[in-house]
Amino acid sequence: MRAAVSALNSNLLRWSSSGRAGVAIRGGIWSIAGYVSVQLLRTGTTLVLARHFLGPELFGIIGLVGVFLAGLSMFSELGIVTNIVQHPRGDDPDFLNTAFCIQAARGSAIWIVSLMAAYPMAVLYEQPQLLPLLAVAGFSEMIRGLTSTSAWTLQRHVKLRSITLLLIASEAVAFGISVLWALISPSAWALIARTITAAALYALGSHFIAKPAVRFRLDRAAARDILHFGGWISLGTATYFLSSQGERLILGKLVTPAELGCFSLAVMLISVPGAGISQVLSQIFLPMISAAVRTTREGTVRDFAKARQICFAIGLAAAVGFLVFGKPFVSLLLNPKYQMTGWMMQILGLRLALDVFAAPLSNLILAFGLTKYSAAGNTARLIGMVSGVWIAFALYGLWHAVVALILAQALSYFPLIFGIKKVLPEVAVAELRWYGVFLVLLALASIITWPNA
């Protein structure tokens, strides 16, 4: 008995002395608190505007603006934050200043492209409102490009208090601005005002939350590393955007603005828990697993196994939750014009569950720098999405087109398994078993809960 207690105390001392548990817990608390607060503000804004001020048609137009800007952002994404988190030079001022220069140039380029694309987009979708909305909304990306690297450095060390408080403050002010705008002039500009206000306050505040101050300075070696790493990231995020959000660009040509508005609202509501899990993993799990990858193979496998079990349970719970409560939620909080949003949330909840399940392996792939496999997975999803949505809509209609998104998501996981097999074959074998069980449970949950939903 005494020997067992001694061994337990020894293990606890080793665990606590590393500091990893304490850092993860503190960072996790701040990450979750920040995410919940921000999403309450963002979702509250959307629901208030949808219930009292804006119809689904305007949400359809704003959905097109949002998905186009997201596309520009993801097509040019260089993974600078991820690179700073995992790169050995992530604390080097020269590396950080170079990252700031590249990020600022990228933000300006996105705004210029949005100005150039505003008129063609308005003509393509036969929506004149897209011209001014897209031109002004693109300015928020230029503002975001001026965010200080101090925010990324704090994320590297999982010191999230200052970042979280700044994010909450910027979103709270943006919430007030959007509601006030809608009271004075109920239009799509209320949502644009929220976006620009939040981006401006966060970018400005980031220059005061940590030191050293950033400067416009380029280091060739740092720039080469950032652009090399970002090349595969850009391809991966571009294909991820097209496969996960590009369906709105396709549906925008196939359905009415009101149907597109309901779909855009369903996507937004579904993204709340999904983005929260993604944020926690990127701010907590990615730095921790990156540190494990740099030190010990056993620690990497152990930490990944814990994340796998957690995300398995969360993904399954999310699927059941949306299947059961999707329709009642819409009926309770929105007016009858948004009724079809309910069944859309049920279907998209299954896609969310698959995305949550894939999140730990996606981050492990990034920690090893194997970004090309993420790009391959997103490409598989893109091919499945484009072909599935077009064929399903042409043959059956909107419901089946949305269902096709689940199948496309399921395909995207296999390239990730192939990639991790290169470095951790034991993890790849276990993942195939986990994935098979997860798919069976999702199918059973759909059969059991859908008739009663």
Protein backbone atom coordinates (compact mmCIF):
# COMPACT_ATOMS: atom_id res chain seq x y z
CA MET A 1 0.00 0.00 0.00
CA ARG A 2 2.77 2.38 0.94
CA ALA A 3 4.57 1.58 -2.30
CA ALA A 4 1.43 2.31 -4.33
CA VAL A 5 0.93 5.67 -2.62
CA SER A 6 4.58 6.54 -3.20
CA ALA A 7 4.28 5.70 -6.89
CA LEU A 8 1.08 7.77 -7.20
CA ASN A 9 2.73 10.77 -5.56
CA SER A 10 5.72 10.41 -7.86
CA ASN A 11 3.50 10.42 -10.95
CA LEU A 12 1.57 13.45 -9.70
CA LEU A 13 4.78 15.35 -9.07
CA ARG A 14 6.08 14.62 -12.56
CA TRP A 15 2.76 15.67 -14.08
CA SER A 16 2.52 18.91 -12.14
CA SER A 17 6.20 19.82 -12.43
CA SER A 18 5.96 19.86 -16.20
CA GLY A 19 3.38 22.62 -15.91
CA ARG A 20 1.51 21.27 -18.92
CA ALA A 21 -1.63 20.36 -16.98
CA GLY A 22 -1.88 23.76 -15.31
CA VAL A 23 -1.24 25.63 -18.54
CA ALA A 24 -3.84 23.55 -20.37
CA ILE A 25 -6.46 24.02 -17.65
CA ARG A 26 -5.96 27.79 -17.37
CA GLY A 27 -5.84 28.22 -21.11
CA GLY A 28 -8.88 26.01 -21.56
CA ILE A 29 -10.91 28.01 -19.07
CA TRP A 30 -10.12 31.29 -20.79
CA SER A 31 -10.64 29.84 -24.25
CA ILE A 32 -14.03 28.38 -23.36
CA ALA A 33 -15.13 31.48 -21.45
CA GLY A 34 -14.13 33.73 -24.32
CA TYR A 35 -15.76 31.56 -26.93
CA VAL A 36 -19.04 31.24 -25.05
CA SER A 37 -19.19 34.99 -24.46
CA VAL A 38 -18.37 35.90 -28.04
CA GLN A 39 -20.78 33.39 -29.53
CA LEU A 40 -23.58 34.54 -27.25
CA LEU A 41 -23.02 38.06 -28.54
CA ARG A 42 -22.75 37.03 -32.20
CA THR A 43 -25.65 34.61 -32.09
CA GLY A 44 -27.70 37.08 -30.09
CA THR A 45 -27.09 39.71 -32.74
CA THR A 46 -28.19 37.38 -35.51
CA LEU A 47 -31.30 36.14 -33.72
CA VAL A 48 -32.40 39.64 -32.68
CA LEU A 49 -31.98 40.97 -36.21
CA ALA A 50 -33.69 37.91 -37.74
CA ARG A 51 -36.64 37.99 -35.36
CA HIS A 52 -37.33 41.72 -35.32
CA PHE A 53 -35.65 43.50 -38.23
CA LEU A 54 -34.43 41.42 -41.19
CA GLY A 55 -36.08 38.80 -43.38
CA PRO A 56 -34.43 35.66 -44.78
CA GLU A 57 -33.82 37.35 -48.14
CA LEU A 58 -31.38 39.82 -46.56
CA PHE A 59 -29.64 37.00 -44.71
CA GLY A 60 -29.23 35.29 -48.06
CA ILE A 61 -27.49 38.35 -49.50
CA ILE A 62 -25.29 38.77 -46.42
CA GLY A 63 -24.54 35.06 -46.63
CA LEU A 64 -23.12 35.57 -50.11
CA VAL A 65 -21.01 38.50 -48.90
CA GLY A 66 -19.70 36.48 -45.98
CA VAL A 67 -18.91 33.36 -47.95
CA PHE A 68 -17.12 35.34 -50.68
CA LEU A 69 -14.91 37.16 -48.18
CA ALA A 70 -14.28 33.90 -46.35
CA GLY A 71 -13.21 32.45 -49.67
CA LEU A 72 -10.74 35.27 -50.32
CA SER A 73 -9.39 34.88 -46.80
CA MET A 74 -8.96 31.12 -47.03
CA PHE A 75 -7.53 31.15 -50.54
CA SER A 76 -4.81 33.47 -49.27
CA GLU A 77 -4.44 31.87 -45.81
CA LEU A 78 -0.79 31.28 -44.94
CA GLY A 79 -1.29 29.71 -41.53
CA ILE A 80 0.77 32.43 -39.88
CA VAL A 81 -0.79 31.93 -36.45
CA THR A 82 -0.27 28.17 -36.64
CA ASN A 83 3.28 28.70 -37.88
CA ILE A 84 4.13 30.97 -34.95
CA VAL A 85 2.65 28.46 -32.52
CA GLN A 86 4.70 25.51 -33.81
CA HIS A 87 7.85 27.13 -35.31
CA PRO A 88 11.12 27.06 -33.32
CA ARG A 89 11.55 30.79 -34.07
CA GLY A 90 8.05 31.63 -32.87
CA ASP A 91 9.43 33.99 -30.19
CA ASP A 92 12.04 35.66 -32.41
CA PRO A 93 11.21 39.39 -33.00
CA ASP A 94 12.55 39.21 -36.56
CA PHE A 95 10.28 36.26 -37.32
CA LEU A 96 7.28 38.01 -35.73
CA ASN A 97 7.86 41.31 -37.54
CA THR A 98 8.16 39.46 -40.83
CA ALA A 99 4.92 37.63 -40.10
CA PHE A 100 3.24 40.98 -39.36
CA CYS A 101 4.38 42.45 -42.68
CA ILE A 102 3.14 39.47 -44.64
CA GLN A 103 -0.19 39.46 -42.80
CA ALA A 104 -0.72 43.19 -43.38
CA ALA A 105 0.04 42.84 -47.10
CA ARG A 106 -2.37 39.92 -47.33
CA GLY A 107 -5.19 41.91 -45.68
CA SER A 108 -4.73 44.81 -48.09
CA ALA A 109 -4.73 42.45 -51.05
CA ILE A 110 -8.01 40.87 -49.92
CA TRP A 111 -9.68 44.27 -49.74
CA ILE A 112 -8.46 45.23 -53.22
CA VAL A 113 -9.75 41.98 -54.68
CA SER A 114 -13.13 42.45 -52.97
CA LEU A 115 -13.41 45.91 -54.53
CA MET A 116 -12.63 44.47 -57.95
CA ALA A 117 -15.05 41.56 -57.55
CA ALA A 118 -18.01 43.51 -56.14
CA TYR A 119 -19.56 44.43 -59.49
CA PRO A 120 -19.13 40.99 -61.16
CA MET A 121 -20.65 39.32 -58.09
CA ALA A 122 -23.66 41.67 -58.18
CA VAL A 123 -24.20 40.84 -61.86
CA LEU A 124 -23.67 37.09 -61.45
CA TYR A 125 -26.26 36.72 -58.68
CA GLU A 126 -28.51 39.51 -59.99
CA GLN A 127 -28.39 41.28 -56.63
CA PRO A 128 -27.38 44.98 -56.97
CA GLN A 129 -27.02 45.28 -53.18
CA LEU A 130 -23.94 43.06 -53.33
CA LEU A 131 -21.89 45.84 -54.95
CA PRO A 132 -21.69 48.32 -52.03
CA LEU A 133 -21.98 45.63 -49.33
CA LEU A 134 -19.04 43.60 -50.60
CA ALA A 135 -16.88 46.63 -51.26
CA VAL A 136 -17.31 47.93 -47.71
CA ALA A 137 -17.25 44.57 -45.95
CA GLY A 138 -13.90 43.74 -47.57
CA PHE A 139 -12.34 46.60 -45.63
CA SER A 140 -12.64 44.51 -42.46
CA GLU A 141 -10.06 42.07 -43.84
CA MET A 142 -7.54 44.86 -44.32
CA ILE A 143 -8.15 45.91 -40.71
CA ARG A 144 -7.62 42.35 -39.45
CA GLY A 145 -4.31 42.25 -41.29
CA LEU A 146 -3.01 44.94 -38.94
CA THR A 147 -3.50 42.80 -35.82
CA SER A 148 -0.34 42.74 -33.71
CA THR A 149 1.69 39.53 -33.47
CA SER A 150 1.46 39.87 -29.69
CA ALA A 151 -1.88 38.10 -29.89
CA TRP A 152 -0.26 35.17 -31.69
CA THR A 153 2.69 35.02 -29.27
CA LEU A 154 0.33 34.82 -26.32
CA GLN A 155 -1.49 32.01 -28.07
CA ARG A 156 1.82 30.17 -28.58
CA HIS A 157 2.34 30.14 -24.82
CA VAL A 158 -1.34 29.47 -24.07
CA LYS A 159 -1.67 32.78 -22.21
CA LEU A 160 -5.16 33.62 -23.34
CA ARG A 161 -6.50 36.01 -20.71
CA SER A 162 -5.68 39.28 -22.49
CA ILE A 163 -6.71 37.98 -25.90
CA THR A 164 -10.00 36.72 -24.56
CA LEU A 165 -10.92 39.93 -22.75
CA LEU A 166 -10.06 41.98 -25.83
CA LEU A 167 -12.16 39.75 -28.06
CA ILE A 168 -15.15 39.92 -25.73
CA ALA A 169 -14.92 43.71 -25.46
CA SER A 170 -14.73 44.19 -29.23
CA GLU A 171 -17.70 41.88 -29.84
CA ALA A 172 -19.77 43.55 -27.11
CA VAL A 173 -19.30 46.98 -28.68
CA ALA A 174 -20.01 45.54 -32.15
CA PHE A 175 -23.23 43.99 -30.82
CA GLY A 176 -24.41 47.39 -29.59
CA ILE A 177 -23.51 49.07 -32.87
CA SER A 178 -25.40 46.52 -34.99
CA VAL A 179 -28.58 46.65 -32.91
CA LEU A 180 -28.51 50.46 -32.79
CA TRP A 181 -28.03 50.58 -36.56
CA ALA A 182 -30.95 48.20 -37.09
CA LEU A 183 -33.19 50.34 -34.87
CA ILE A 184 -32.38 53.42 -36.94
CA SER A 185 -32.24 51.74 -40.34
CA PRO A 186 -33.15 48.03 -40.53
CA SER A 187 -30.99 46.75 -43.37
CA ALA A 188 -28.09 44.47 -44.18
CA TRP A 189 -25.73 47.30 -43.24
CA ALA A 190 -26.35 46.54 -39.57
CA LEU A 191 -24.43 43.26 -39.97
CA ILE A 192 -21.65 44.93 -41.98
CA ALA A 193 -21.26 47.55 -39.24
CA ARG A 194 -20.89 44.79 -36.65
CA THR A 195 -18.15 43.08 -38.65
CA ILE A 196 -16.07 46.21 -39.22
CA THR A 197 -16.44 47.43 -35.63
CA ALA A 198 -15.33 44.10 -34.15
CA ALA A 199 -12.33 43.87 -36.51
CA ALA A 200 -11.20 47.44 -35.83
CA LEU A 201 -11.40 47.22 -32.04
CA TYR A 202 -9.61 43.87 -31.89
CA ALA A 203 -6.80 44.95 -34.23
CA LEU A 204 -6.28 48.22 -32.37
CA GLY A 205 -6.38 46.61 -28.93
CA SER A 206 -3.92 43.87 -29.92
CA HIS A 207 -1.14 46.48 -30.02
CA PHE A 208 -1.59 47.22 -26.32
CA ILE A 209 -1.98 43.78 -24.71
CA ALA A 210 1.63 42.56 -24.95
CA LYS A 211 5.15 43.50 -25.95
CA PRO A 212 7.38 43.88 -27.88
CA ALA A 213 5.69 46.23 -30.32
CA VAL A 214 5.64 45.10 -33.93
CA ARG A 215 7.54 46.82 -36.72
CA PHE A 216 7.50 46.58 -40.49
CA ARG A 217 10.61 44.51 -41.02
CA LEU A 218 11.39 41.58 -43.33
CA ASP A 219 13.79 38.75 -42.54
CA ARG A 220 14.45 36.65 -45.65
CA ALA A 221 14.87 33.36 -43.83
CA ALA A 222 11.72 33.96 -41.81
CA ALA A 223 9.75 34.98 -44.89
CA ARG A 224 10.91 31.86 -46.70
CA ASP A 225 9.80 29.62 -43.83
CA ILE A 226 6.44 31.37 -43.50
CA LEU A 227 5.66 31.22 -47.22
CA HIS A 228 6.83 27.63 -47.58
CA PHE A 229 4.67 26.50 -44.66
CA GLY A 230 1.82 28.68 -45.87
CA GLY A 231 1.84 27.27 -49.39
CA TRP A 232 0.28 23.99 -48.33
CA ILE A 233 -1.85 25.76 -45.72
CA SER A 234 -3.25 28.03 -48.44
CA LEU A 235 -4.14 25.08 -50.63
CA GLY A 236 -5.63 23.26 -47.66
CA THR A 237 -7.75 26.20 -46.47
CA ALA A 238 -8.84 27.03 -50.02
CA THR A 239 -10.12 23.53 -50.58
CA TYR A 240 -11.58 23.53 -47.05
CA PHE A 241 -13.50 26.70 -47.82
CA LEU A 242 -14.84 25.40 -51.12
CA SER A 243 -15.82 22.08 -49.58
CA SER A 244 -17.30 23.39 -46.31
CA GLN A 245 -18.74 26.79 -47.27
CA GLY A 246 -18.72 26.83 -51.06
CA GLU A 247 -22.12 25.14 -51.13
CA ARG A 248 -23.67 28.56 -50.54
CA LEU A 249 -22.08 29.84 -53.74
CA ILE A 250 -23.60 26.89 -55.59
CA LEU A 251 -27.00 27.05 -53.89
CA GLY A 252 -27.09 30.79 -54.51
CA LYS A 253 -27.61 29.99 -58.19
CA LEU A 254 -30.10 27.16 -57.58
CA VAL A 255 -32.48 28.33 -54.83
CA THR A 256 -34.43 31.46 -53.93
CA PRO A 257 -32.85 34.19 -51.75
CA ALA A 258 -35.18 33.20 -48.90
CA GLU A 259 -34.09 29.53 -49.07
CA LEU A 260 -30.47 30.63 -49.22
CA GLY A 261 -31.06 32.87 -46.21
CA CYS A 262 -32.48 29.96 -44.19
CA PHE A 263 -29.52 27.80 -45.18
CA SER A 264 -27.02 30.54 -44.29
CA LEU A 265 -28.68 30.97 -40.89
CA ALA A 266 -28.56 27.20 -40.29
CA VAL A 267 -24.87 27.13 -41.19
CA MET A 268 -24.20 30.02 -38.80
CA LEU A 269 -26.03 28.37 -35.91
CA ILE A 270 -24.34 25.03 -36.52
CA SER A 271 -20.94 26.70 -36.64
CA VAL A 272 -21.26 28.00 -33.08
CA PRO A 273 -20.34 24.73 -31.32
CA GLY A 274 -18.06 23.65 -34.15
CA ALA A 275 -16.00 26.83 -34.07
CA GLY A 276 -15.80 26.60 -30.28
CA ILE A 277 -14.29 23.14 -30.40
CA SER A 278 -11.94 24.22 -33.18
CA GLN A 279 -10.82 27.23 -31.12
CA VAL A 280 -10.11 25.19 -28.02
CA LEU A 281 -8.14 22.66 -30.04
CA SER A 282 -6.13 25.30 -31.91
CA GLN A 283 -5.40 27.34 -28.78
CA ILE A 284 -4.85 24.46 -26.36
CA PHE A 285 -4.39 21.10 -28.08
CA LEU A 286 -2.25 22.29 -31.01
CA PRO A 287 0.40 24.04 -28.87
CA MET A 288 0.51 21.11 -26.43
CA ILE A 289 0.66 18.39 -29.09
CA SER A 290 3.25 20.42 -31.03
CA ALA A 291 5.43 20.50 -27.90
CA ALA A 292 4.95 16.74 -27.50
CA VAL A 293 5.90 16.13 -31.13
CA ARG A 294 9.14 18.05 -30.57
CA THR A 295 10.02 15.98 -27.49
CA THR A 296 8.56 12.48 -27.16
CA ARG A 297 6.70 9.99 -29.35
CA GLU A 298 4.99 8.32 -26.38
CA GLY A 299 3.69 11.64 -25.09
CA THR A 300 2.32 12.48 -28.53
CA VAL A 301 0.38 9.22 -28.78
CA ARG A 302 -0.91 9.54 -25.22
CA ASP A 303 -2.08 13.16 -25.59
CA PHE A 304 -3.74 12.39 -28.91
CA ALA A 305 -5.59 9.40 -27.45
CA LYS A 306 -7.10 11.61 -24.75
CA ALA A 307 -8.23 14.19 -27.31
CA ARG A 308 -9.69 11.44 -29.50
CA GLN A 309 -11.90 10.10 -26.70
CA ILE A 310 -13.16 13.57 -25.82
CA CYS A 311 -13.98 14.57 -29.41
CA PHE A 312 -15.64 11.21 -30.07
CA ALA A 313 -18.08 11.86 -27.23
CA ILE A 314 -18.62 15.53 -28.11
CA GLY A 315 -19.24 14.75 -31.78
CA LEU A 316 -21.83 12.10 -30.99
CA ALA A 317 -23.56 14.38 -28.47
CA ALA A 318 -23.67 17.22 -31.01
CA ALA A 319 -25.28 14.99 -33.63
CA VAL A 320 -28.01 13.78 -31.27
CA GLY A 321 -28.56 17.28 -29.93
CA PHE A 322 -29.20 18.83 -33.32
CA LEU A 323 -31.34 15.90 -34.47
CA VAL A 324 -33.59 16.26 -31.44
CA PHE A 325 -33.62 20.02 -30.85
CA GLY A 326 -32.99 21.55 -34.30
CA LYS A 327 -36.63 22.07 -35.24
CA PRO A 328 -37.89 23.07 -31.75
CA PHE A 329 -35.08 25.62 -31.46
CA VAL A 330 -36.07 27.34 -34.70
CA SER A 331 -39.79 27.24 -33.84
CA LEU A 332 -39.12 28.81 -30.44
CA LEU A 333 -36.75 31.62 -31.40
CA LEU A 334 -37.56 32.54 -35.00
CA ASN A 335 -40.70 33.43 -36.90
CA PRO A 336 -42.37 31.01 -39.37
CA LYS A 337 -40.49 32.48 -42.35
CA TYR A 338 -37.40 30.59 -41.12
CA GLN A 339 -39.15 27.22 -40.65
CA MET A 340 -36.96 25.26 -43.07
CA THR A 341 -33.89 26.27 -41.05
CA GLY A 342 -34.92 23.55 -38.56
CA TRP A 343 -34.48 20.51 -40.80
CA MET A 344 -31.36 22.04 -42.28
CA MET A 345 -29.85 22.22 -38.79
CA GLN A 346 -30.68 18.54 -38.25
CA ILE A 347 -28.76 17.48 -41.35
CA LEU A 348 -25.87 19.89 -40.87
CA GLY A 349 -25.54 18.68 -37.28
CA LEU A 350 -24.41 15.31 -38.63
CA ARG A 351 -21.77 17.04 -40.75
CA LEU A 352 -20.65 18.95 -37.68
CA ALA A 353 -20.27 15.67 -35.77
CA LEU A 354 -17.93 14.32 -38.45
CA ASP A 355 -15.95 17.55 -38.41
CA VAL A 356 -15.56 17.39 -34.63
CA PHE A 357 -14.40 13.80 -34.85
CA ALA A 358 -11.72 14.78 -37.40
CA ALA A 359 -10.44 17.77 -35.40
CA PRO A 360 -7.81 16.00 -33.24
CA LEU A 361 -6.21 14.25 -36.21
CA SER A 362 -6.27 17.46 -38.26
CA ASN A 363 -4.33 19.23 -35.50
CA LEU A 364 -1.90 16.33 -35.15
CA ILE A 365 -1.24 16.54 -38.89
CA LEU A 366 -0.45 20.25 -38.49
CA ALA A 367 1.83 19.58 -35.52
CA PHE A 368 3.91 17.28 -37.71
CA GLY A 369 3.88 19.87 -40.53
CA LEU A 370 2.14 17.41 -42.90
CA THR A 371 -0.12 20.08 -44.34
CA LYS A 372 -0.42 18.45 -47.76
CA TYR A 373 -2.62 15.71 -46.29
CA SER A 374 -5.02 18.29 -44.91
CA ALA A 375 -5.18 19.74 -48.41
CA ALA A 376 -5.86 16.27 -49.82
CA GLY A 377 -8.67 15.68 -47.35
CA ASN A 378 -10.28 19.00 -48.19
CA THR A 379 -9.94 18.27 -51.90
CA ALA A 380 -11.77 14.97 -51.43
CA ARG A 381 -14.55 16.79 -49.59
CA LEU A 382 -14.70 19.45 -52.31
CA ILE A 383 -15.12 16.89 -55.08
CA GLY A 384 -17.80 15.07 -53.10
CA MET A 385 -19.59 18.32 -52.27
CA VAL A 386 -19.69 19.82 -55.77
CA SER A 387 -20.76 16.63 -57.51
CA GLY A 388 -23.12 15.58 -54.72
CA VAL A 389 -24.96 18.90 -54.40
CA TRP A 390 -25.43 19.38 -58.15
CA ILE A 391 -26.60 15.81 -58.79
CA ALA A 392 -28.81 15.56 -55.71
CA PHE A 393 -30.48 18.92 -56.35
CA ALA A 394 -31.07 18.14 -60.03
CA LEU A 395 -32.58 14.72 -59.33
CA TYR A 396 -34.39 15.18 -56.02
CA GLY A 397 -34.27 18.72 -54.61
CA LEU A 398 -32.89 20.85 -51.79
CA TRP A 399 -33.25 18.30 -48.93
CA HIS A 400 -31.15 15.68 -50.71
CA ALA A 401 -28.62 18.32 -51.76
CA VAL A 402 -28.05 19.17 -48.09
CA VAL A 403 -27.76 15.45 -47.22
CA ALA A 404 -25.00 15.15 -49.84
CA LEU A 405 -22.87 17.43 -47.65
CA ILE A 406 -22.67 14.68 -45.01
CA LEU A 407 -21.28 12.17 -47.49
CA ALA A 408 -18.70 14.66 -48.72
CA GLN A 409 -17.55 15.28 -45.14
CA ALA A 410 -17.19 11.54 -44.49
CA LEU A 411 -14.84 11.16 -47.47
CA SER A 412 -12.43 13.83 -46.26
CA TYR A 413 -11.09 11.81 -43.32
CA PHE A 414 -9.29 9.07 -45.22
CA PRO A 415 -6.40 11.23 -46.57
CA LEU A 416 -5.68 12.31 -42.97
CA ILE A 417 -5.41 8.69 -41.87
CA PHE A 418 -3.05 7.99 -44.75
CA GLY A 419 -0.92 10.98 -43.76
CA ILE A 420 -0.57 10.07 -40.08
CA LYS A 421 0.31 6.51 -41.08
CA LYS A 422 3.62 7.91 -42.36
CA VAL A 423 4.74 8.98 -38.89
CA LEU A 424 2.51 7.20 -36.36
CA PRO A 425 1.20 3.97 -37.92
CA GLU A 426 -0.23 2.75 -34.61
CA VAL A 427 -2.44 5.86 -34.46
CA ALA A 428 -3.66 5.30 -38.04
CA VAL A 429 -4.78 1.74 -37.27
CA ALA A 430 -6.63 2.85 -34.15
CA GLU A 431 -8.27 5.74 -36.02
CA LEU A 432 -9.80 3.42 -38.60
CA ARG A 433 -11.48 1.47 -35.82
CA TRP A 434 -12.68 4.62 -34.06
CA TYR A 435 -14.05 6.01 -37.34
CA GLY A 436 -15.99 2.85 -38.17
CA VAL A 437 -17.63 2.81 -34.76
CA PHE A 438 -18.44 6.52 -34.99
CA LEU A 439 -20.15 6.18 -38.39
CA VAL A 440 -22.27 3.28 -37.15
CA LEU A 441 -23.36 5.26 -34.07
CA LEU A 442 -24.26 8.29 -36.21
CA ALA A 443 -26.40 6.09 -38.43
CA LEU A 444 -28.18 4.60 -35.42
CA ALA A 445 -28.73 8.04 -33.88
CA SER A 446 -30.30 9.26 -37.13
CA ILE A 447 -32.62 6.27 -37.38
CA ILE A 448 -33.74 6.49 -33.75
CA THR A 449 -34.14 10.25 -33.31
CA TRP A 450 -35.16 11.57 -36.72
CA PRO A 451 -38.74 10.19 -36.80
CA ASN A 452 -39.36 11.78 -33.40
CA ALA A 453 -37.70 15.11 -34.16
